[in-house]
Amino acid sequence: MMMRLMCDGYMLRSASRGSPGVDEVRYLAPVRPGDTLRVRVTVLDTRRSASRPEMGIVSARHELLNQRDEVVLIMTSKVMMGCRDTGAAA
């Protein structure tokens, strides 16, 4: 469910180039039928790829919250994103 919320919310409209993987997943509380879920994303770090300068790596913490604003799942991951041209002369 969280991945669907992330894709519908922002990933399908972004310059995402995939993910090298998930670093951590923690299930903190059960999700029950009828719960209303939302995702909160916090960017932890960004850096340009040394081997592919047209791409950057974004490290983020994803939190799945229920209707009572209880965090039910935490995930940290890295996502490869296309970079904007800096406009600097080569």
C-alpha atoms as a PDB file:
ATOM      1  CA  MET A   1       0.000   0.000   0.000  1.00  0.00           C
ATOM      2  CA  MET A   2       2.805   2.403   0.855  1.00  0.00           C
ATOM      3  CA  MET A   3       4.520   1.896  -2.498  1.00  0.00           C
ATOM      4  CA  ARG A   4       1.225   2.554  -4.295  1.00  0.00           C
ATOM      5  CA  LEU A   5       0.745   5.788  -2.331  1.00  0.00           C
ATOM      6  CA  MET A   6       4.309   6.861  -3.164  1.00  0.00           C
ATOM      7  CA  CYS A   7       3.940   6.076  -6.879  1.00  0.00           C
ATOM      8  CA  ASP A   8       0.565   7.787  -7.219  1.00  0.00           C
ATOM      9  CA  GLY A   9       1.646  10.713  -5.048  1.00  0.00           C
ATOM     10  CA  TYR A  10       4.930  11.715  -6.656  1.00  0.00           C
ATOM     11  CA  MET A  11       7.195   9.011  -8.092  1.00  0.00           C
ATOM     12  CA  LEU A  12       5.407   8.511 -11.420  1.00  0.00           C
ATOM     13  CA  ARG A  13       5.693  12.269 -12.108  1.00  0.00           C
ATOM     14  CA  SER A  14       9.333  12.540 -11.058  1.00  0.00           C
ATOM     15  CA  ALA A  15      12.660  11.932 -12.800  1.00  0.00           C
ATOM     16  CA  SER A  16      13.063   8.632 -10.926  1.00  0.00           C
ATOM     17  CA  ARG A  17      15.542   6.243 -12.533  1.00  0.00           C
ATOM     18  CA  GLY A  18      14.972   3.331 -10.166  1.00  0.00           C
ATOM     19  CA  SER A  19      16.345   2.331  -6.805  1.00  0.00           C
ATOM     20  CA  PRO A  20      19.431   0.411  -5.749  1.00  0.00           C
ATOM     21  CA  GLY A  21      17.412  -0.933  -2.824  1.00  0.00           C
ATOM     22  CA  VAL A  22      15.897  -0.438   0.578  1.00  0.00           C
ATOM     23  CA  ASP A  23      18.193   0.023   3.561  1.00  0.00           C
ATOM     24  CA  GLU A  24      15.738  -0.557   6.399  1.00  0.00           C
ATOM     25  CA  VAL A  25      12.083  -1.493   6.948  1.00  0.00           C
ATOM     26  CA  ARG A  26      10.436  -1.492  10.370  1.00  0.00           C
ATOM     27  CA  TYR A  27       6.848  -2.479  11.027  1.00  0.00           C
ATOM     28  CA  LEU A  28       5.808  -0.600  14.153  1.00  0.00           C
ATOM     29  CA  ALA A  29       2.067  -1.265  14.390  1.00  0.00           C
ATOM     30  CA  PRO A  30      -0.571  -3.265  12.526  1.00  0.00           C
ATOM     31  CA  VAL A  31      -2.645  -1.794   9.718  1.00  0.00           C
ATOM     32  CA  ARG A  32      -6.291  -2.770  10.002  1.00  0.00           C
ATOM     33  CA  PRO A  33      -9.166  -2.899   7.492  1.00  0.00           C
ATOM     34  CA  GLY A  34     -10.728   0.550   7.258  1.00  0.00           C
ATOM     35  CA  ASP A  35      -7.551   2.431   8.228  1.00  0.00           C
ATOM     36  CA  THR A  36      -6.778   5.562   6.226  1.00  0.00           C
ATOM     37  CA  LEU A  37      -3.106   5.691   5.312  1.00  0.00           C
ATOM     38  CA  ARG A  38      -0.759   8.441   4.159  1.00  0.00           C
ATOM     39  CA  VAL A  39       2.974   8.663   3.500  1.00  0.00           C
ATOM     40  CA  ARG A  40       5.426  11.265   4.823  1.00  0.00           C
ATOM     41  CA  VAL A  41       8.828  11.480   3.107  1.00  0.00           C
ATOM     42  CA  THR A  42      11.901  13.232   4.536  1.00  0.00           C
ATOM     43  CA  VAL A  43      14.963  13.727   2.353  1.00  0.00           C
ATOM     44  CA  LEU A  44      18.048  12.791   4.388  1.00  0.00           C
ATOM     45  CA  ASP A  45      20.802  13.351   1.828  1.00  0.00           C
ATOM     46  CA  THR A  46      21.410  14.118  -1.841  1.00  0.00           C
ATOM     47  CA  ARG A  47      24.502  13.667  -3.962  1.00  0.00           C
ATOM     48  CA  ARG A  48      25.393  13.595  -7.634  1.00  0.00           C
ATOM     49  CA  SER A  49      26.645  10.279  -8.976  1.00  0.00           C
ATOM     50  CA  ALA A  50      30.402  10.353  -9.611  1.00  0.00           C
ATOM     51  CA  SER A  51      30.178   7.838 -12.461  1.00  0.00           C
ATOM     52  CA  ARG A  52      26.958   9.202 -14.020  1.00  0.00           C
ATOM     53  CA  PRO A  53      26.773  12.987 -13.464  1.00  0.00           C
ATOM     54  CA  GLU A  54      23.349  13.200 -15.161  1.00  0.00           C
ATOM     55  CA  MET A  55      21.980  11.237 -12.209  1.00  0.00           C
ATOM     56  CA  GLY A  56      21.814  11.853  -8.476  1.00  0.00           C
ATOM     57  CA  ILE A  57      21.156   9.672  -5.435  1.00  0.00           C
ATOM     58  CA  VAL A  58      18.497  10.728  -2.934  1.00  0.00           C
ATOM     59  CA  SER A  59      18.436   9.076   0.504  1.00  0.00           C
ATOM     60  CA  ALA A  60      15.029   9.341   2.153  1.00  0.00           C
ATOM     61  CA  ARG A  61      13.044   8.210   5.163  1.00  0.00           C
ATOM     62  CA  HIS A  62       9.473   7.124   4.389  1.00  0.00           C
ATOM     63  CA  GLU A  63       6.874   6.908   7.134  1.00  0.00           C
ATOM     64  CA  LEU A  64       3.439   5.317   6.743  1.00  0.00           C
ATOM     65  CA  LEU A  65       0.895   6.918   9.071  1.00  0.00           C
ATOM     66  CA  ASN A  66      -2.658   5.918   9.915  1.00  0.00           C
ATOM     67  CA  GLN A  67      -5.674   8.163  10.522  1.00  0.00           C
ATOM     68  CA  ARG A  68      -4.541   8.794  14.114  1.00  0.00           C
ATOM     69  CA  ASP A  69      -1.135  10.011  12.833  1.00  0.00           C
ATOM     70  CA  GLU A  70       0.525   6.938  14.335  1.00  0.00           C
ATOM     71  CA  VAL A  71       3.615   5.830  12.414  1.00  0.00           C
ATOM     72  CA  VAL A  72       2.958   2.203  11.474  1.00  0.00           C
ATOM     73  CA  LEU A  73       5.966   1.625   9.176  1.00  0.00           C
ATOM     74  CA  ILE A  74       9.361   3.247   8.627  1.00  0.00           C
ATOM     75  CA  MET A  75      11.526   2.646   5.557  1.00  0.00           C
ATOM     76  CA  THR A  76      14.821   4.209   4.517  1.00  0.00           C
ATOM     77  CA  SER A  77      15.971   3.892   0.941  1.00  0.00           C
ATOM     78  CA  LYS A  78      17.962   5.404  -1.874  1.00  0.00           C
ATOM     79  CA  VAL A  79      16.450   6.501  -5.190  1.00  0.00           C
ATOM     80  CA  MET A  80      18.303   7.393  -8.378  1.00  0.00           C
ATOM     81  CA  MET A  81      16.951  10.620  -9.904  1.00  0.00           C
ATOM     82  CA  GLY A  82      17.723  12.561 -13.043  1.00  0.00           C
ATOM     83  CA  CYS A  83      19.575  15.816 -12.299  1.00  0.00           C
ATOM     84  CA  ARG A  84      18.831  19.231 -13.677  1.00  0.00           C
ATOM     85  CA  ASP A  85      21.509  20.807 -15.806  1.00  0.00           C
ATOM     86  CA  THR A  86      23.477  23.190 -13.590  1.00  0.00           C
ATOM     87  CA  GLY A  87      24.035  25.538 -16.516  1.00  0.00           C
ATOM     88  CA  ALA A  88      27.764  25.711 -15.738  1.00  0.00           C
ATOM     89  CA  ALA A  89      30.142  25.886 -18.678  1.00  0.00           C
ATOM     90  CA  ALA A  90      32.176  22.742 -19.228  1.00  0.00           C
END
